[in-house]
Amino acid sequence: MRVKLKIGIALTLLSLTSCSGVSNLSEMGHPPRMTKTSDPTLAPDYRPVTMPMPPTQAPPTEVGSLWRPGSRAFFKDQRASQVGDLLTIKVEVADNADVTNDTSASGSGSEDFGIPSLLGFKGKGISHITSADALNTSSSSANAASGTIRRIDAVTLTLGGTITQVLPNGNFVVVARQEVRINGELRQIMVSGVVRPQDISEDNVVTHDRIAEARISYGGRGQLSHLQEPRYGQEVLDNVLPF
């Protein structure tokens, strides 16, 4: 039984470390490999975005008009407007959070009741048998807690993105990915979300606060990042051990 248990634990640890471990071993002796440039919609984890949409309406037609619906100039609008068009995304996050909570609660209670008679026995007879005149209970509780949260986030990024979808209401689904490799460390940046056409400026730039359902990721991998991560066995033990 012990041998089977040891084999099961070994197989579990091997399955947890196989993918990442093989990837780390394959990169020994050279810096992390950069991802090849490819269509983001072909990624295994890509899923088309669906959003609540109003009923479709045909655009009004104006005979002989020089203006096209949605156009802001006589000439072609150079801003991104179709699948595959490029645009610039600016991310400037500066968030501060400072929360302090103090709680204190206390309570007490008591009960006192007697049995004057039971099955013909008077109170004195009952007290002689039970050696008590009444049932007395008392309880008390107290709780005190305090907590403080202080967080400061600052991220400033500028990267190019691509329109991957044009939703039925005209909004754009954009995806931006960027990788920078410096001295064996690979920085990976990813931004995705939904943008309104009118929120794209004349110079084809959109800011992160104009992106709905924004997902911003900044991370990477490399020698230093690998050393800062706990071992897989340690992570398994931290999640399994009850003490």
C-alpha atoms as a PDB file:
ATOM      1  CA  MET A   1       0.000   0.000   0.000  1.00  0.00           C
ATOM      2  CA  ARG A   2       2.822   2.407   0.875  1.00  0.00           C
ATOM      3  CA  VAL A   3       4.604   1.603  -2.378  1.00  0.00           C
ATOM      4  CA  LYS A   4       1.454   2.388  -4.386  1.00  0.00           C
ATOM      5  CA  LEU A   5       1.005   5.658  -2.490  1.00  0.00           C
ATOM      6  CA  LYS A   6       4.600   6.698  -3.173  1.00  0.00           C
ATOM      7  CA  ILE A   7       4.224   5.856  -6.866  1.00  0.00           C
ATOM      8  CA  GLY A   8       0.993   7.890  -7.048  1.00  0.00           C
ATOM      9  CA  ILE A   9       2.627  10.919  -5.424  1.00  0.00           C
ATOM     10  CA  ALA A  10       5.604  10.661  -7.745  1.00  0.00           C
ATOM     11  CA  LEU A  11       3.375  10.461 -10.832  1.00  0.00           C
ATOM     12  CA  THR A  12       1.360  13.468  -9.614  1.00  0.00           C
ATOM     13  CA  LEU A  13       4.468  15.581  -9.084  1.00  0.00           C
ATOM     14  CA  LEU A  14       5.837  14.463 -12.452  1.00  0.00           C
ATOM     15  CA  SER A  15       2.634  15.469 -14.244  1.00  0.00           C
ATOM     16  CA  LEU A  16       2.638  18.865 -12.544  1.00  0.00           C
ATOM     17  CA  THR A  17       6.225  19.622 -13.469  1.00  0.00           C
ATOM     18  CA  SER A  18       6.412  17.977 -16.901  1.00  0.00           C
ATOM     19  CA  CYS A  19       5.217  20.864 -19.088  1.00  0.00           C
ATOM     20  CA  SER A  20       7.047  23.701 -17.361  1.00  0.00           C
ATOM     21  CA  GLY A  21      10.047  21.581 -16.482  1.00  0.00           C
ATOM     22  CA  VAL A  22      10.585  20.450 -20.061  1.00  0.00           C
ATOM     23  CA  SER A  23      10.205  24.055 -21.237  1.00  0.00           C
ATOM     24  CA  ASN A  24      12.837  25.249 -18.754  1.00  0.00           C
ATOM     25  CA  LEU A  25      15.241  22.461 -19.733  1.00  0.00           C
ATOM     26  CA  SER A  26      14.795  23.238 -23.428  1.00  0.00           C
ATOM     27  CA  GLU A  27      15.921  26.835 -22.818  1.00  0.00           C
ATOM     28  CA  MET A  28      19.076  25.976 -20.905  1.00  0.00           C
ATOM     29  CA  GLY A  29      22.155  27.645 -22.369  1.00  0.00           C
ATOM     30  CA  HIS A  30      20.314  30.375 -24.273  1.00  0.00           C
ATOM     31  CA  PRO A  31      17.783  33.131 -23.505  1.00  0.00           C
ATOM     32  CA  PRO A  32      14.023  32.466 -23.569  1.00  0.00           C
ATOM     33  CA  ARG A  33      12.576  31.989 -27.033  1.00  0.00           C
ATOM     34  CA  MET A  34      10.343  34.757 -28.328  1.00  0.00           C
ATOM     35  CA  THR A  35       6.897  33.926 -29.656  1.00  0.00           C
ATOM     36  CA  LYS A  36       6.608  33.921 -33.420  1.00  0.00           C
ATOM     37  CA  THR A  37       4.508  36.656 -35.011  1.00  0.00           C
ATOM     38  CA  SER A  38       1.135  35.116 -35.826  1.00  0.00           C
ATOM     39  CA  ASP A  39      -2.581  35.775 -36.085  1.00  0.00           C
ATOM     40  CA  PRO A  40      -3.883  36.240 -32.483  1.00  0.00           C
ATOM     41  CA  THR A  41      -7.200  34.640 -33.468  1.00  0.00           C
ATOM     42  CA  LEU A  42      -5.350  31.365 -34.128  1.00  0.00           C
ATOM     43  CA  ALA A  43      -4.074  31.084 -30.552  1.00  0.00           C
ATOM     44  CA  PRO A  44      -5.399  27.995 -28.703  1.00  0.00           C
ATOM     45  CA  ASP A  45      -6.953  30.117 -25.937  1.00  0.00           C
ATOM     46  CA  TYR A  46      -8.577  32.665 -28.274  1.00  0.00           C
ATOM     47  CA  ARG A  47     -12.360  32.949 -28.076  1.00  0.00           C
ATOM     48  CA  PRO A  48     -14.512  35.328 -30.139  1.00  0.00           C
ATOM     49  CA  VAL A  49     -16.105  38.079 -28.050  1.00  0.00           C
ATOM     50  CA  THR A  50     -19.886  38.308 -27.786  1.00  0.00           C
ATOM     51  CA  MET A  51     -21.504  41.413 -26.277  1.00  0.00           C
ATOM     52  CA  PRO A  52     -25.120  42.536 -25.792  1.00  0.00           C
ATOM     53  CA  MET A  53     -26.196  44.193 -29.051  1.00  0.00           C
ATOM     54  CA  PRO A  54     -29.082  46.485 -30.013  1.00  0.00           C
ATOM     55  CA  PRO A  55     -31.262  45.489 -32.971  1.00  0.00           C
ATOM     56  CA  THR A  56     -29.600  46.192 -36.291  1.00  0.00           C
ATOM     57  CA  GLN A  57     -30.871  49.145 -38.299  1.00  0.00           C
ATOM     58  CA  ALA A  58     -30.130  50.042 -41.882  1.00  0.00           C
ATOM     59  CA  PRO A  59     -28.093  53.282 -42.221  1.00  0.00           C
ATOM     60  CA  PRO A  60     -30.054  56.216 -43.657  1.00  0.00           C
ATOM     61  CA  THR A  61     -29.416  56.961 -47.299  1.00  0.00           C
ATOM     62  CA  GLU A  62     -28.991  60.530 -48.480  1.00  0.00           C
ATOM     63  CA  VAL A  63     -29.028  60.958 -52.214  1.00  0.00           C
ATOM     64  CA  GLY A  64     -26.331  63.264 -53.535  1.00  0.00           C
ATOM     65  CA  SER A  65     -24.716  63.840 -50.116  1.00  0.00           C
ATOM     66  CA  LEU A  66     -20.963  64.377 -49.950  1.00  0.00           C
ATOM     67  CA  TRP A  67     -20.832  63.043 -46.387  1.00  0.00           C
ATOM     68  CA  ARG A  68     -20.616  59.344 -45.568  1.00  0.00           C
ATOM     69  CA  PRO A  69     -22.353  58.224 -42.327  1.00  0.00           C
ATOM     70  CA  GLY A  70     -19.703  58.179 -39.597  1.00  0.00           C
ATOM     71  CA  SER A  71     -17.147  60.126 -41.606  1.00  0.00           C
ATOM     72  CA  ARG A  72     -15.490  63.237 -40.144  1.00  0.00           C
ATOM     73  CA  ALA A  73     -13.845  64.539 -43.320  1.00  0.00           C
ATOM     74  CA  PHE A  74     -14.218  64.615 -47.086  1.00  0.00           C
ATOM     75  CA  PHE A  75     -11.185  62.354 -47.379  1.00  0.00           C
ATOM     76  CA  LYS A  76     -10.740  58.793 -46.174  1.00  0.00           C
ATOM     77  CA  ASP A  77     -10.477  58.419 -42.424  1.00  0.00           C
ATOM     78  CA  GLN A  78      -7.019  57.076 -41.574  1.00  0.00           C
ATOM     79  CA  ARG A  79      -8.072  55.627 -38.222  1.00  0.00           C
ATOM     80  CA  ALA A  80      -8.385  51.887 -37.729  1.00  0.00           C
ATOM     81  CA  SER A  81     -11.820  50.670 -38.777  1.00  0.00           C
ATOM     82  CA  GLN A  82     -11.557  47.134 -40.157  1.00  0.00           C
ATOM     83  CA  VAL A  83     -10.293  43.742 -39.057  1.00  0.00           C
ATOM     84  CA  GLY A  84      -6.512  43.725 -39.382  1.00  0.00           C
ATOM     85  CA  ASP A  85      -6.074  47.486 -39.042  1.00  0.00           C
ATOM     86  CA  LEU A  86      -3.472  48.696 -36.558  1.00  0.00           C
ATOM     87  CA  LEU A  87      -3.851  51.225 -33.762  1.00  0.00           C
ATOM     88  CA  THR A  88      -1.791  52.465 -30.819  1.00  0.00           C
ATOM     89  CA  ILE A  89      -2.856  51.657 -27.258  1.00  0.00           C
ATOM     90  CA  LYS A  90      -1.649  53.767 -24.339  1.00  0.00           C
ATOM     91  CA  VAL A  91      -1.853  52.393 -20.805  1.00  0.00           C
ATOM     92  CA  GLU A  92      -1.316  54.803 -17.926  1.00  0.00           C
ATOM     93  CA  VAL A  93      -2.473  53.211 -14.684  1.00  0.00           C
ATOM     94  CA  ALA A  94      -1.873  55.083 -11.423  1.00  0.00           C
ATOM     95  CA  ASP A  95      -4.067  53.613  -8.689  1.00  0.00           C
ATOM     96  CA  ASN A  96      -3.801  54.193  -4.955  1.00  0.00           C
ATOM     97  CA  ALA A  97      -5.842  52.338  -2.366  1.00  0.00           C
ATOM     98  CA  ASP A  98      -5.697  52.809   1.390  1.00  0.00           C
ATOM     99  CA  VAL A  99      -8.270  50.927   3.481  1.00  0.00           C
ATOM    100  CA  THR A 100      -8.292  50.501   7.269  1.00  0.00           C
ATOM    101  CA  ASN A 101     -10.868  48.451   9.171  1.00  0.00           C
ATOM    102  CA  ASP A 102     -11.250  48.070  12.939  1.00  0.00           C
ATOM    103  CA  THR A 103     -14.009  45.907  14.417  1.00  0.00           C
ATOM    104  CA  SER A 104     -14.898  45.064  17.996  1.00  0.00           C
ATOM    105  CA  ALA A 105     -17.851  42.996  19.211  1.00  0.00           C
ATOM    106  CA  SER A 106     -18.844  41.498  22.556  1.00  0.00           C
ATOM    107  CA  GLY A 107     -21.884  39.771  23.982  1.00  0.00           C
ATOM    108  CA  SER A 108     -23.075  37.946  27.098  1.00  0.00           C
ATOM    109  CA  GLY A 109     -26.144  35.959  28.124  1.00  0.00           C
ATOM    110  CA  SER A 110     -27.508  33.972  31.039  1.00  0.00           C
ATOM    111  CA  GLU A 111     -30.487  31.688  31.709  1.00  0.00           C
ATOM    112  CA  ASP A 112     -31.995  30.621  35.058  1.00  0.00           C
ATOM    113  CA  PHE A 113     -35.044  28.386  35.411  1.00  0.00           C
ATOM    114  CA  GLY A 114     -36.316  25.824  37.918  1.00  0.00           C
ATOM    115  CA  ILE A 115     -38.690  22.822  37.969  1.00  0.00           C
ATOM    116  CA  PRO A 116     -41.402  23.281  40.613  1.00  0.00           C
ATOM    117  CA  SER A 117     -42.820  19.771  40.101  1.00  0.00           C
ATOM    118  CA  LEU A 118     -42.234  16.766  37.903  1.00  0.00           C
ATOM    119  CA  LEU A 119     -44.323  13.562  37.880  1.00  0.00           C
ATOM    120  CA  GLY A 120     -45.711  14.368  41.313  1.00  0.00           C
ATOM    121  CA  PHE A 121     -42.381  15.289  42.845  1.00  0.00           C
ATOM    122  CA  LYS A 122     -42.208  18.719  44.353  1.00  0.00           C
ATOM    123  CA  GLY A 123     -39.377  21.101  43.842  1.00  0.00           C
ATOM    124  CA  LYS A 124     -37.587  20.136  47.044  1.00  0.00           C
ATOM    125  CA  GLY A 125     -37.646  16.460  46.122  1.00  0.00           C
ATOM    126  CA  ILE A 126     -36.280  17.233  42.683  1.00  0.00           C
ATOM    127  CA  SER A 127     -33.584  19.427  44.172  1.00  0.00           C
ATOM    128  CA  HIS A 128     -32.647  16.612  46.544  1.00  0.00           C
ATOM    129  CA  ILE A 129     -32.273  14.189  43.615  1.00  0.00           C
ATOM    130  CA  THR A 130     -30.523  16.569  41.239  1.00  0.00           C
ATOM    131  CA  SER A 131     -28.661  18.491  43.979  1.00  0.00           C
ATOM    132  CA  ALA A 132     -29.757  21.740  42.287  1.00  0.00           C
ATOM    133  CA  ASP A 133     -32.747  24.057  42.513  1.00  0.00           C
ATOM    134  CA  ALA A 134     -32.572  25.281  38.934  1.00  0.00           C
ATOM    135  CA  LEU A 135     -30.681  25.057  35.685  1.00  0.00           C
ATOM    136  CA  ASN A 136     -28.245  27.957  35.308  1.00  0.00           C
ATOM    137  CA  THR A 137     -26.435  28.753  32.067  1.00  0.00           C
ATOM    138  CA  SER A 138     -24.245  31.670  31.127  1.00  0.00           C
ATOM    139  CA  SER A 139     -22.164  32.585  28.088  1.00  0.00           C
ATOM    140  CA  SER A 140     -20.005  35.411  26.864  1.00  0.00           C
ATOM    141  CA  SER A 141     -18.096  36.177  23.674  1.00  0.00           C
ATOM    142  CA  ALA A 142     -15.720  38.833  22.440  1.00  0.00           C
ATOM    143  CA  ASN A 143     -14.090  39.520  19.116  1.00  0.00           C
ATOM    144  CA  ALA A 144     -11.658  42.193  17.987  1.00  0.00           C
ATOM    145  CA  ALA A 145      -9.956  42.543  14.617  1.00  0.00           C
ATOM    146  CA  SER A 146      -8.060  45.132  12.639  1.00  0.00           C
ATOM    147  CA  GLY A 147      -6.732  45.222   9.096  1.00  0.00           C
ATOM    148  CA  THR A 148      -4.944  47.624   6.801  1.00  0.00           C
ATOM    149  CA  ILE A 149      -4.589  47.509   3.017  1.00  0.00           C
ATOM    150  CA  ARG A 150      -2.296  49.874   1.177  1.00  0.00           C
ATOM    151  CA  ARG A 151      -1.656  49.437  -2.531  1.00  0.00           C
ATOM    152  CA  ILE A 152       0.108  51.629  -5.075  1.00  0.00           C
ATOM    153  CA  ASP A 153       0.053  50.581  -8.745  1.00  0.00           C
ATOM    154  CA  ALA A 154       1.760  52.467 -11.560  1.00  0.00           C
ATOM    155  CA  VAL A 155       1.993  51.135 -15.120  1.00  0.00           C
ATOM    156  CA  THR A 156       2.836  53.161 -18.235  1.00  0.00           C
ATOM    157  CA  LEU A 157       2.838  51.352 -21.569  1.00  0.00           C
ATOM    158  CA  THR A 158       2.504  52.206 -25.248  1.00  0.00           C
ATOM    159  CA  LEU A 159       2.138  49.407 -27.778  1.00  0.00           C
ATOM    160  CA  GLY A 160       0.519  48.648 -31.085  1.00  0.00           C
ATOM    161  CA  GLY A 161      -2.618  46.558 -31.405  1.00  0.00           C
ATOM    162  CA  THR A 162      -4.767  44.931 -34.070  1.00  0.00           C
ATOM    163  CA  ILE A 163      -8.516  44.882 -34.616  1.00  0.00           C
ATOM    164  CA  THR A 164      -9.583  41.230 -34.486  1.00  0.00           C
ATOM    165  CA  GLN A 165     -13.360  41.684 -34.637  1.00  0.00           C
ATOM    166  CA  VAL A 166     -15.949  44.257 -35.668  1.00  0.00           C
ATOM    167  CA  LEU A 167     -19.038  43.694 -33.543  1.00  0.00           C
ATOM    168  CA  PRO A 168     -22.545  44.121 -35.015  1.00  0.00           C
ATOM    169  CA  ASN A 169     -22.944  47.513 -33.313  1.00  0.00           C
ATOM    170  CA  GLY A 170     -19.687  48.787 -34.850  1.00  0.00           C
ATOM    171  CA  ASN A 171     -17.410  48.444 -31.812  1.00  0.00           C
ATOM    172  CA  PHE A 172     -13.948  46.939 -32.250  1.00  0.00           C
ATOM    173  CA  VAL A 173     -12.331  44.062 -30.393  1.00  0.00           C
ATOM    174  CA  VAL A 174      -8.611  44.854 -30.153  1.00  0.00           C
ATOM    175  CA  VAL A 175      -5.661  42.706 -29.131  1.00  0.00           C
ATOM    176  CA  ALA A 176      -2.120  43.987 -28.557  1.00  0.00           C
ATOM    177  CA  ARG A 177       0.890  41.829 -27.761  1.00  0.00           C
ATOM    178  CA  GLN A 178       4.518  42.777 -27.289  1.00  0.00           C
ATOM    179  CA  GLU A 179       7.659  40.938 -26.200  1.00  0.00           C
ATOM    180  CA  VAL A 180      10.994  42.469 -25.173  1.00  0.00           C
ATOM    181  CA  ARG A 181      14.033  40.323 -24.403  1.00  0.00           C
ATOM    182  CA  ILE A 182      16.913  41.851 -22.426  1.00  0.00           C
ATOM    183  CA  ASN A 183      19.815  39.870 -20.940  1.00  0.00           C
ATOM    184  CA  GLY A 184      17.997  36.555 -20.722  1.00  0.00           C
ATOM    185  CA  GLU A 185      14.755  38.081 -19.406  1.00  0.00           C
ATOM    186  CA  LEU A 186      11.669  38.084 -21.642  1.00  0.00           C
ATOM    187  CA  ARG A 187       9.027  40.720 -20.859  1.00  0.00           C
ATOM    188  CA  GLN A 188       5.558  39.921 -22.199  1.00  0.00           C
ATOM    189  CA  ILE A 189       2.813  42.555 -22.484  1.00  0.00           C
ATOM    190  CA  MET A 190      -0.773  41.861 -23.511  1.00  0.00           C
ATOM    191  CA  VAL A 191      -3.782  44.192 -23.772  1.00  0.00           C
ATOM    192  CA  SER A 192      -7.244  43.271 -25.045  1.00  0.00           C
ATOM    193  CA  GLY A 193     -10.736  44.742 -24.889  1.00  0.00           C
ATOM    194  CA  VAL A 194     -13.568  46.447 -26.755  1.00  0.00           C
ATOM    195  CA  VAL A 195     -13.224  49.971 -28.221  1.00  0.00           C
ATOM    196  CA  ARG A 196     -15.722  52.400 -29.708  1.00  0.00           C
ATOM    197  CA  PRO A 197     -14.699  53.876 -33.079  1.00  0.00           C
ATOM    198  CA  GLN A 198     -15.257  57.446 -31.801  1.00  0.00           C
ATOM    199  CA  ASP A 199     -12.836  56.844 -28.907  1.00  0.00           C
ATOM    200  CA  ILE A 200      -9.946  56.417 -31.328  1.00  0.00           C
ATOM    201  CA  SER A 201      -8.223  59.783 -31.710  1.00  0.00           C
ATOM    202  CA  GLU A 202      -7.240  61.413 -34.989  1.00  0.00           C
ATOM    203  CA  ASP A 203      -3.688  60.063 -34.652  1.00  0.00           C
ATOM    204  CA  ASN A 204      -5.067  56.508 -34.297  1.00  0.00           C
ATOM    205  CA  VAL A 205      -4.485  56.228 -30.527  1.00  0.00           C
ATOM    206  CA  VAL A 206      -6.809  54.877 -27.837  1.00  0.00           C
ATOM    207  CA  THR A 207      -6.172  55.043 -24.082  1.00  0.00           C
ATOM    208  CA  HIS A 208      -6.824  52.196 -21.660  1.00  0.00           C
ATOM    209  CA  ASP A 209      -9.642  54.048 -19.889  1.00  0.00           C
ATOM    210  CA  ARG A 210     -11.584  53.978 -23.167  1.00  0.00           C
ATOM    211  CA  ILE A 211     -11.325  50.194 -23.483  1.00  0.00           C
ATOM    212  CA  ALA A 212     -14.247  48.169 -22.149  1.00  0.00           C
ATOM    213  CA  GLU A 213     -13.606  44.703 -20.688  1.00  0.00           C
ATOM    214  CA  ALA A 214      -9.914  45.617 -20.663  1.00  0.00           C
ATOM    215  CA  ARG A 215      -7.439  42.877 -19.805  1.00  0.00           C
ATOM    216  CA  ILE A 216      -3.905  44.131 -19.208  1.00  0.00           C
ATOM    217  CA  SER A 217      -1.080  41.700 -18.479  1.00  0.00           C
ATOM    218  CA  TYR A 218       2.577  42.533 -17.838  1.00  0.00           C
ATOM    219  CA  GLY A 219       4.899  39.681 -16.973  1.00  0.00           C
ATOM    220  CA  GLY A 220       7.590  37.503 -18.378  1.00  0.00           C
ATOM    221  CA  ARG A 221       9.970  34.667 -17.878  1.00  0.00           C
ATOM    222  CA  GLY A 222      13.696  34.097 -17.694  1.00  0.00           C
ATOM    223  CA  GLN A 223      16.489  33.235 -15.302  1.00  0.00           C
ATOM    224  CA  LEU A 224      15.644  35.809 -12.635  1.00  0.00           C
ATOM    225  CA  SER A 225      11.899  35.129 -12.838  1.00  0.00           C
ATOM    226  CA  HIS A 226      12.556  31.398 -12.502  1.00  0.00           C
ATOM    227  CA  LEU A 227      14.647  31.900  -9.351  1.00  0.00           C
ATOM    228  CA  GLN A 228      11.937  34.052  -7.759  1.00  0.00           C
ATOM    229  CA  GLU A 229       9.256  31.374  -8.193  1.00  0.00           C
ATOM    230  CA  PRO A 230       8.777  28.653  -5.536  1.00  0.00           C
ATOM    231  CA  ARG A 231       9.484  25.051  -6.460  1.00  0.00           C
ATOM    232  CA  TYR A 232       6.569  22.962  -7.703  1.00  0.00           C
ATOM    233  CA  GLY A 233       6.927  20.546  -4.815  1.00  0.00           C
ATOM    234  CA  GLN A 234       6.732  23.425  -2.363  1.00  0.00           C
ATOM    235  CA  GLU A 235       3.556  24.747  -4.032  1.00  0.00           C
ATOM    236  CA  VAL A 236       1.946  21.284  -3.849  1.00  0.00           C
ATOM    237  CA  LEU A 237       2.813  20.907  -0.161  1.00  0.00           C
ATOM    238  CA  ASP A 238       1.571  24.428   0.643  1.00  0.00           C
ATOM    239  CA  ASN A 239      -1.812  23.601  -0.911  1.00  0.00           C
ATOM    240  CA  VAL A 240      -2.140  20.095   0.556  1.00  0.00           C
ATOM    241  CA  LEU A 241      -0.686  20.222   4.056  1.00  0.00           C
ATOM    242  CA  PRO A 242      -3.231  21.343   6.694  1.00  0.00           C
ATOM    243  CA  PHE A 243      -0.575  22.910   8.978  1.00  0.00           C
END
